[in-house]
Amino acid sequence: MNVEVAYESIAKAAMDFVGSRSWDAVWAKHTILASMVEGRWGVIRSDITDKKGDPPRKELRSKAFEAIRFLRDDLLRTTGQRIWGLTFTLYPDGKFNIEYDYNKPEGYEETDEVITGDEINASLANLMKQGKKAD
């Protein structure tokens, strides 16, 4: 994947949300956590935003989310900055605007540490031993 393909994937999902409606712009606002991406879409017509409608089809949504994770990783690699969200706005002439959100969601703790089942079992066993010693 490259940046152009990523933008195209996000645009295809946004256009799927538009469907047969008339529009002046369509936006896709995404939050990016560890490996999870969440999306919301809206269609703008005559300065009124319509958020109603079915989300893009699953395969287009999946490709868009993959593209967003790619952009997050690419920006981190090239700029050293981590994005936590992005808003993609597409216009009927094919031009688009993309805004990156560099602010980590309040209260969100991201960790690379993974606790295995064996570690959990060992920890519980230690707690049980400590409990028996206290008796």
N, C-alpha and C. Protein backbone atom coordinates (compact mmCIF):
# COMPACT_ATOMS: atom_id res chain seq x y z
N MET A 1 0.86 -1.18 0.00
CA MET A 1 0.00 0.00 0.00
C MET A 1 0.90 1.23 0.00
N ASN A 2 0.40 2.30 -0.58
CA ASN A 2 1.07 3.59 -0.52
C ASN A 2 0.04 4.65 -0.14
N VAL A 3 0.47 5.88 0.05
CA VAL A 3 -0.40 6.95 0.52
C VAL A 3 -1.56 7.18 -0.45
N GLU A 4 -1.27 7.18 -1.76
CA GLU A 4 -2.33 7.43 -2.75
C GLU A 4 -3.40 6.34 -2.70
N VAL A 5 -2.99 5.08 -2.60
CA VAL A 5 -3.93 3.97 -2.50
C VAL A 5 -4.74 4.09 -1.21
N ALA A 6 -4.09 4.51 -0.13
CA ALA A 6 -4.79 4.69 1.14
C ALA A 6 -5.89 5.74 1.01
N TYR A 7 -5.57 6.89 0.42
CA TYR A 7 -6.58 7.94 0.23
C TYR A 7 -7.73 7.44 -0.64
N GLU A 8 -7.39 6.69 -1.67
CA GLU A 8 -8.42 6.16 -2.57
C GLU A 8 -9.35 5.19 -1.83
N SER A 9 -8.81 4.37 -0.95
CA SER A 9 -9.63 3.43 -0.19
C SER A 9 -10.58 4.16 0.75
N ILE A 10 -10.11 5.22 1.38
CA ILE A 10 -10.95 6.02 2.27
C ILE A 10 -12.05 6.71 1.47
N ALA A 11 -11.69 7.23 0.30
CA ALA A 11 -12.66 7.90 -0.57
C ALA A 11 -13.74 6.94 -1.07
N LYS A 12 -13.37 5.73 -1.42
CA LYS A 12 -14.35 4.75 -1.90
C LYS A 12 -15.38 4.43 -0.82
N ALA A 13 -14.92 4.29 0.41
CA ALA A 13 -15.85 4.02 1.51
C ALA A 13 -16.78 5.21 1.72
N ALA A 14 -16.23 6.42 1.65
CA ALA A 14 -17.04 7.62 1.81
C ALA A 14 -18.09 7.72 0.71
N MET A 15 -17.70 7.43 -0.52
CA MET A 15 -18.65 7.47 -1.64
C MET A 15 -19.74 6.42 -1.50
N ASP A 16 -19.40 5.28 -0.92
CA ASP A 16 -20.40 4.25 -0.68
C ASP A 16 -21.43 4.74 0.32
N PHE A 17 -21.00 5.53 1.31
CA PHE A 17 -21.93 6.12 2.27
C PHE A 17 -22.87 7.10 1.59
N VAL A 18 -22.36 7.88 0.63
CA VAL A 18 -23.18 8.86 -0.09
C VAL A 18 -24.33 8.15 -0.82
N GLY A 19 -24.00 7.05 -1.47
CA GLY A 19 -25.03 6.34 -2.23
C GLY A 19 -25.56 7.19 -3.36
N SER A 20 -26.88 7.28 -3.46
CA SER A 20 -27.51 8.03 -4.56
C SER A 20 -27.91 9.45 -4.15
N ARG A 21 -27.53 9.87 -2.95
CA ARG A 21 -27.88 11.22 -2.49
C ARG A 21 -27.09 12.28 -3.24
N SER A 22 -27.67 13.47 -3.37
CA SER A 22 -26.91 14.58 -3.90
C SER A 22 -26.07 15.14 -2.75
N TRP A 23 -24.90 15.69 -3.10
CA TRP A 23 -23.98 16.11 -2.05
C TRP A 23 -23.05 17.20 -2.51
N ASP A 24 -22.62 18.01 -1.54
CA ASP A 24 -21.62 19.05 -1.78
C ASP A 24 -20.26 18.60 -1.22
N ALA A 25 -20.32 17.71 -0.23
CA ALA A 25 -19.11 17.13 0.37
C ALA A 25 -19.54 15.92 1.18
N VAL A 26 -18.62 15.01 1.37
CA VAL A 26 -18.83 13.87 2.27
C VAL A 26 -17.60 13.80 3.16
N TRP A 27 -17.83 13.54 4.44
CA TRP A 27 -16.70 13.42 5.35
C TRP A 27 -16.72 12.07 6.06
N ALA A 28 -15.54 11.66 6.43
CA ALA A 28 -15.35 10.43 7.20
C ALA A 28 -14.43 10.78 8.35
N LYS A 29 -14.94 10.64 9.56
CA LYS A 29 -14.15 10.97 10.75
C LYS A 29 -13.80 9.67 11.45
N HIS A 30 -12.51 9.46 11.70
CA HIS A 30 -12.03 8.21 12.25
C HIS A 30 -11.20 8.43 13.51
N THR A 31 -11.38 7.51 14.45
CA THR A 31 -10.56 7.44 15.65
C THR A 31 -9.69 6.19 15.50
N ILE A 32 -8.41 6.32 15.86
CA ILE A 32 -7.46 5.22 15.68
C ILE A 32 -6.85 4.88 17.03
N LEU A 33 -7.10 3.68 17.52
CA LEU A 33 -6.48 3.24 18.76
C LEU A 33 -5.36 2.26 18.40
N ALA A 34 -5.12 1.24 19.20
CA ALA A 34 -4.02 0.32 18.93
C ALA A 34 -4.20 -0.32 17.55
N SER A 35 -5.12 -1.23 17.41
CA SER A 35 -5.37 -1.84 16.10
C SER A 35 -6.81 -1.61 15.67
N MET A 36 -7.58 -0.90 16.48
CA MET A 36 -8.98 -0.64 16.20
C MET A 36 -9.16 0.73 15.57
N VAL A 37 -9.99 0.76 14.54
CA VAL A 37 -10.35 2.02 13.91
C VAL A 37 -11.87 2.13 13.98
N GLU A 38 -12.35 3.30 14.34
CA GLU A 38 -13.79 3.56 14.40
C GLU A 38 -14.08 4.67 13.40
N GLY A 39 -15.20 4.55 12.70
CA GLY A 39 -15.53 5.56 11.70
C GLY A 39 -16.95 6.06 11.81
N ARG A 40 -17.11 7.34 11.45
CA ARG A 40 -18.42 7.97 11.30
C ARG A 40 -18.39 8.73 9.99
N TRP A 41 -19.54 8.81 9.33
CA TRP A 41 -19.62 9.46 8.04
C TRP A 41 -20.76 10.47 8.04
N GLY A 42 -20.62 11.46 7.18
CA GLY A 42 -21.68 12.45 7.02
C GLY A 42 -21.65 13.02 5.61
N VAL A 43 -22.84 13.36 5.12
CA VAL A 43 -22.98 13.98 3.80
C VAL A 43 -23.40 15.43 4.03
N ILE A 44 -22.73 16.35 3.36
CA ILE A 44 -23.07 17.77 3.47
C ILE A 44 -23.74 18.20 2.17
N ARG A 45 -24.91 18.82 2.33
CA ARG A 45 -25.67 19.35 1.19
C ARG A 45 -26.28 20.67 1.64
N SER A 46 -25.97 21.74 0.95
CA SER A 46 -26.47 23.08 1.29
C SER A 46 -26.18 23.43 2.75
N ASP A 47 -24.97 23.19 3.18
CA ASP A 47 -24.49 23.49 4.54
C ASP A 47 -25.20 22.71 5.64
N ILE A 48 -25.92 21.65 5.29
CA ILE A 48 -26.58 20.80 6.28
C ILE A 48 -25.91 19.43 6.23
N THR A 49 -25.53 18.93 7.41
CA THR A 49 -24.89 17.63 7.50
C THR A 49 -25.92 16.56 7.81
N ASP A 50 -25.90 15.49 7.03
CA ASP A 50 -26.77 14.34 7.23
C ASP A 50 -25.90 13.15 7.59
N LYS A 51 -26.06 12.67 8.82
CA LYS A 51 -25.27 11.53 9.29
C LYS A 51 -26.06 10.23 9.17
N LYS A 52 -27.30 10.33 8.68
CA LYS A 52 -28.14 9.14 8.57
C LYS A 52 -27.72 8.31 7.37
N GLY A 53 -27.96 7.04 7.48
CA GLY A 53 -27.64 6.14 6.38
C GLY A 53 -26.84 4.96 6.87
N ASP A 54 -26.81 3.96 6.04
CA ASP A 54 -26.02 2.78 6.37
C ASP A 54 -24.54 3.10 6.23
N PRO A 55 -23.72 2.51 7.08
CA PRO A 55 -22.27 2.71 6.90
C PRO A 55 -21.84 2.09 5.57
N PRO A 56 -20.67 2.42 5.11
CA PRO A 56 -20.17 1.80 3.88
C PRO A 56 -20.17 0.27 4.02
N ARG A 57 -20.25 -0.39 2.88
CA ARG A 57 -20.22 -1.86 2.90
C ARG A 57 -18.98 -2.35 3.62
N LYS A 58 -19.11 -3.52 4.24
CA LYS A 58 -18.06 -4.06 5.10
C LYS A 58 -16.71 -4.13 4.41
N GLU A 59 -16.67 -4.62 3.15
CA GLU A 59 -15.38 -4.76 2.48
C GLU A 59 -14.73 -3.40 2.22
N LEU A 60 -15.54 -2.38 1.91
CA LEU A 60 -14.98 -1.03 1.69
C LEU A 60 -14.55 -0.41 3.01
N ARG A 61 -15.34 -0.63 4.05
CA ARG A 61 -14.99 -0.14 5.39
C ARG A 61 -13.69 -0.79 5.86
N SER A 62 -13.55 -2.10 5.67
CA SER A 62 -12.34 -2.80 6.08
C SER A 62 -11.10 -2.27 5.36
N LYS A 63 -11.24 -2.03 4.05
CA LYS A 63 -10.10 -1.49 3.29
C LYS A 63 -9.76 -0.07 3.75
N ALA A 64 -10.79 0.72 4.04
CA ALA A 64 -10.55 2.08 4.53
C ALA A 64 -9.85 2.05 5.88
N PHE A 65 -10.29 1.17 6.78
CA PHE A 65 -9.66 1.07 8.10
C PHE A 65 -8.22 0.59 7.99
N GLU A 66 -7.98 -0.34 7.08
CA GLU A 66 -6.60 -0.80 6.83
C GLU A 66 -5.75 0.37 6.33
N ALA A 67 -6.32 1.17 5.44
CA ALA A 67 -5.62 2.33 4.90
C ALA A 67 -5.30 3.34 5.99
N ILE A 68 -6.23 3.52 6.91
CA ILE A 68 -6.03 4.48 8.00
C ILE A 68 -4.91 4.00 8.93
N ARG A 69 -4.88 2.70 9.22
CA ARG A 69 -3.78 2.17 10.03
C ARG A 69 -2.44 2.34 9.29
N PHE A 70 -2.47 2.15 7.97
CA PHE A 70 -1.26 2.37 7.17
C PHE A 70 -0.79 3.83 7.30
N LEU A 71 -1.72 4.77 7.15
CA LEU A 71 -1.36 6.19 7.26
C LEU A 71 -0.80 6.51 8.64
N ARG A 72 -1.42 5.95 9.69
CA ARG A 72 -0.91 6.16 11.05
C ARG A 72 0.54 5.70 11.14
N ASP A 73 0.81 4.48 10.66
CA ASP A 73 2.16 3.92 10.75
C ASP A 73 3.14 4.68 9.86
N ASP A 74 2.69 5.09 8.67
CA ASP A 74 3.54 5.82 7.75
C ASP A 74 3.92 7.19 8.31
N LEU A 75 2.95 7.88 8.90
CA LEU A 75 3.24 9.19 9.49
C LEU A 75 4.17 9.05 10.70
N LEU A 76 3.99 8.02 11.50
CA LEU A 76 4.87 7.80 12.64
C LEU A 76 6.29 7.54 12.15
N ARG A 77 6.42 6.74 11.10
CA ARG A 77 7.74 6.40 10.56
C ARG A 77 8.40 7.62 9.93
N THR A 78 7.65 8.43 9.19
CA THR A 78 8.26 9.54 8.45
C THR A 78 8.38 10.84 9.25
N THR A 79 7.47 11.04 10.22
CA THR A 79 7.50 12.30 10.97
C THR A 79 7.81 12.11 12.45
N GLY A 80 7.68 10.88 12.93
CA GLY A 80 7.88 10.63 14.35
C GLY A 80 6.66 10.99 15.19
N GLN A 81 5.58 11.39 14.55
CA GLN A 81 4.37 11.76 15.28
C GLN A 81 3.27 10.74 15.06
N ARG A 82 2.56 10.40 16.12
CA ARG A 82 1.48 9.41 16.11
C ARG A 82 0.16 10.14 15.95
N ILE A 83 -0.67 9.69 15.01
CA ILE A 83 -2.00 10.27 14.89
C ILE A 83 -3.00 9.37 15.62
N TRP A 84 -4.01 10.00 16.18
CA TRP A 84 -5.06 9.29 16.92
C TRP A 84 -6.40 9.39 16.21
N GLY A 85 -6.42 10.13 15.12
CA GLY A 85 -7.65 10.26 14.35
C GLY A 85 -7.38 11.02 13.08
N LEU A 86 -8.35 10.95 12.19
CA LEU A 86 -8.27 11.76 10.98
C LEU A 86 -9.67 12.00 10.46
N THR A 87 -9.82 13.14 9.82
CA THR A 87 -11.07 13.48 9.14
C THR A 87 -10.75 13.70 7.68
N PHE A 88 -11.44 12.95 6.84
CA PHE A 88 -11.25 12.98 5.40
C PHE A 88 -12.50 13.59 4.79
N THR A 89 -12.35 14.69 4.06
CA THR A 89 -13.49 15.35 3.41
C THR A 89 -13.26 15.32 1.90
N LEU A 90 -14.26 14.80 1.19
CA LEU A 90 -14.17 14.64 -0.26
C LEU A 90 -15.22 15.53 -0.93
N TYR A 91 -14.84 16.14 -2.05
CA TYR A 91 -15.73 17.03 -2.80
C TYR A 91 -16.03 16.41 -4.16
N PRO A 92 -17.16 16.79 -4.77
CA PRO A 92 -17.57 16.17 -6.05
C PRO A 92 -16.54 16.29 -7.18
N ASP A 93 -15.67 17.30 -7.13
CA ASP A 93 -14.66 17.45 -8.18
C ASP A 93 -13.45 16.54 -7.97
N GLY A 94 -13.49 15.72 -6.91
CA GLY A 94 -12.40 14.79 -6.63
C GLY A 94 -11.35 15.34 -5.68
N LYS A 95 -11.42 16.63 -5.39
CA LYS A 95 -10.47 17.19 -4.43
C LYS A 95 -10.87 16.73 -3.03
N PHE A 96 -9.88 16.69 -2.15
CA PHE A 96 -10.16 16.27 -0.78
C PHE A 96 -9.28 17.02 0.19
N ASN A 97 -9.70 16.98 1.43
CA ASN A 97 -8.94 17.57 2.52
C ASN A 97 -8.81 16.49 3.60
N ILE A 98 -7.65 16.42 4.21
CA ILE A 98 -7.46 15.46 5.29
C ILE A 98 -6.85 16.20 6.47
N GLU A 99 -7.47 16.03 7.62
CA GLU A 99 -7.00 16.64 8.86
C GLU A 99 -6.62 15.52 9.82
N TYR A 100 -5.42 15.60 10.35
CA TYR A 100 -4.94 14.60 11.30
C TYR A 100 -5.13 15.11 12.72
N ASP A 101 -5.49 14.21 13.62
CA ASP A 101 -5.64 14.53 15.03
C ASP A 101 -4.47 13.89 15.77
N TYR A 102 -3.64 14.72 16.36
CA TYR A 102 -2.45 14.25 17.07
C TYR A 102 -2.68 14.12 18.58
N ASN A 103 -3.90 14.36 19.02
CA ASN A 103 -4.21 14.32 20.45
C ASN A 103 -4.69 12.94 20.87
N LYS A 104 -3.99 12.36 21.83
CA LYS A 104 -4.37 11.06 22.37
C LYS A 104 -5.69 11.21 23.12
N PRO A 105 -6.63 10.28 22.91
CA PRO A 105 -7.91 10.37 23.62
C PRO A 105 -7.70 10.39 25.14
N GLU A 106 -8.42 11.26 25.81
CA GLU A 106 -8.29 11.39 27.25
C GLU A 106 -8.64 10.07 27.94
N GLY A 107 -7.77 9.65 28.84
CA GLY A 107 -8.02 8.44 29.60
C GLY A 107 -7.60 7.16 28.91
N TYR A 108 -7.15 7.25 27.66
CA TYR A 108 -6.75 6.04 26.93
C TYR A 108 -5.30 5.71 27.24
N GLU A 109 -5.06 4.47 27.64
CA GLU A 109 -3.71 4.00 27.91
C GLU A 109 -3.38 2.91 26.91
N GLU A 110 -2.38 3.17 26.09
CA GLU A 110 -1.96 2.18 25.10
C GLU A 110 -0.69 1.53 25.62
N THR A 111 -0.64 0.19 25.56
CA THR A 111 0.54 -0.52 26.01
C THR A 111 0.90 -1.59 25.00
N ASP A 112 2.16 -1.79 24.84
CA ASP A 112 2.62 -2.86 23.96
C ASP A 112 2.76 -4.17 24.71
N GLU A 113 2.60 -4.12 26.03
CA GLU A 113 2.76 -5.32 26.84
C GLU A 113 1.54 -6.21 26.68
N VAL A 114 1.80 -7.49 26.52
CA VAL A 114 0.74 -8.48 26.43
C VAL A 114 0.95 -9.45 27.58
N ILE A 115 -0.10 -9.71 28.32
CA ILE A 115 -0.01 -10.65 29.43
C ILE A 115 -0.50 -11.99 28.92
N THR A 116 0.33 -13.00 29.06
CA THR A 116 -0.03 -14.33 28.57
C THR A 116 -0.85 -15.06 29.62
N GLY A 117 -1.51 -16.12 29.21
CA GLY A 117 -2.28 -16.95 30.12
C GLY A 117 -1.41 -17.53 31.21
N ASP A 118 -0.19 -17.95 30.85
CA ASP A 118 0.74 -18.50 31.84
C ASP A 118 1.08 -17.47 32.91
N GLU A 119 1.29 -16.22 32.49
CA GLU A 119 1.61 -15.15 33.45
C GLU A 119 0.43 -14.89 34.38
N ILE A 120 -0.77 -14.92 33.84
CA ILE A 120 -1.97 -14.72 34.66
C ILE A 120 -2.10 -15.86 35.68
N ASN A 121 -1.93 -17.09 35.21
CA ASN A 121 -2.02 -18.25 36.10
C ASN A 121 -0.98 -18.19 37.21
N ALA A 122 0.25 -17.81 36.87
CA ALA A 122 1.31 -17.72 37.87
C ALA A 122 0.97 -16.64 38.89
N SER A 123 0.45 -15.52 38.43
CA SER A 123 0.07 -14.44 39.33
C SER A 123 -1.04 -14.88 40.27
N LEU A 124 -2.04 -15.57 39.75
CA LEU A 124 -3.13 -16.07 40.58
C LEU A 124 -2.62 -17.10 41.59
N ALA A 125 -1.72 -17.97 41.16
CA ALA A 125 -1.16 -18.98 42.06
C ALA A 125 -0.41 -18.30 43.21
N ASN A 126 0.34 -17.23 42.90
CA ASN A 126 1.06 -16.50 43.95
C ASN A 126 0.08 -15.86 44.93
N LEU A 127 -1.02 -15.31 44.42
CA LEU A 127 -2.03 -14.72 45.30
C LEU A 127 -2.64 -15.77 46.21
N MET A 128 -2.91 -16.96 45.66
CA MET A 128 -3.49 -18.03 46.46
C MET A 128 -2.51 -18.48 47.55
N LYS A 129 -1.22 -18.57 47.22
CA LYS A 129 -0.21 -18.95 48.20
C LYS A 129 -0.13 -17.92 49.33
N GLN A 130 -0.18 -16.64 48.94
CA GLN A 130 -0.14 -15.58 49.94
C GLN A 130 -1.36 -15.63 50.84
N GLY A 131 -2.51 -15.94 50.26
CA GLY A 131 -3.75 -16.05 51.03
C GLY A 131 -3.68 -17.19 52.02
N LYS A 132 -3.10 -18.31 51.65
CA LYS A 132 -2.98 -19.48 52.55
C LYS A 132 -2.00 -19.19 53.67
N LYS A 133 -0.93 -18.43 53.39
CA LYS A 133 0.05 -18.08 54.42
C LYS A 133 -0.60 -17.18 55.47
N ALA A 134 -1.52 -16.34 55.04
CA ALA A 134 -2.18 -15.40 55.95
C ALA A 134 -3.12 -16.13 56.90
N ASP A 135 -3.63 -17.31 56.49
CA ASP A 135 -4.56 -18.07 57.34
C ASP A 135 -3.86 -18.68 58.45
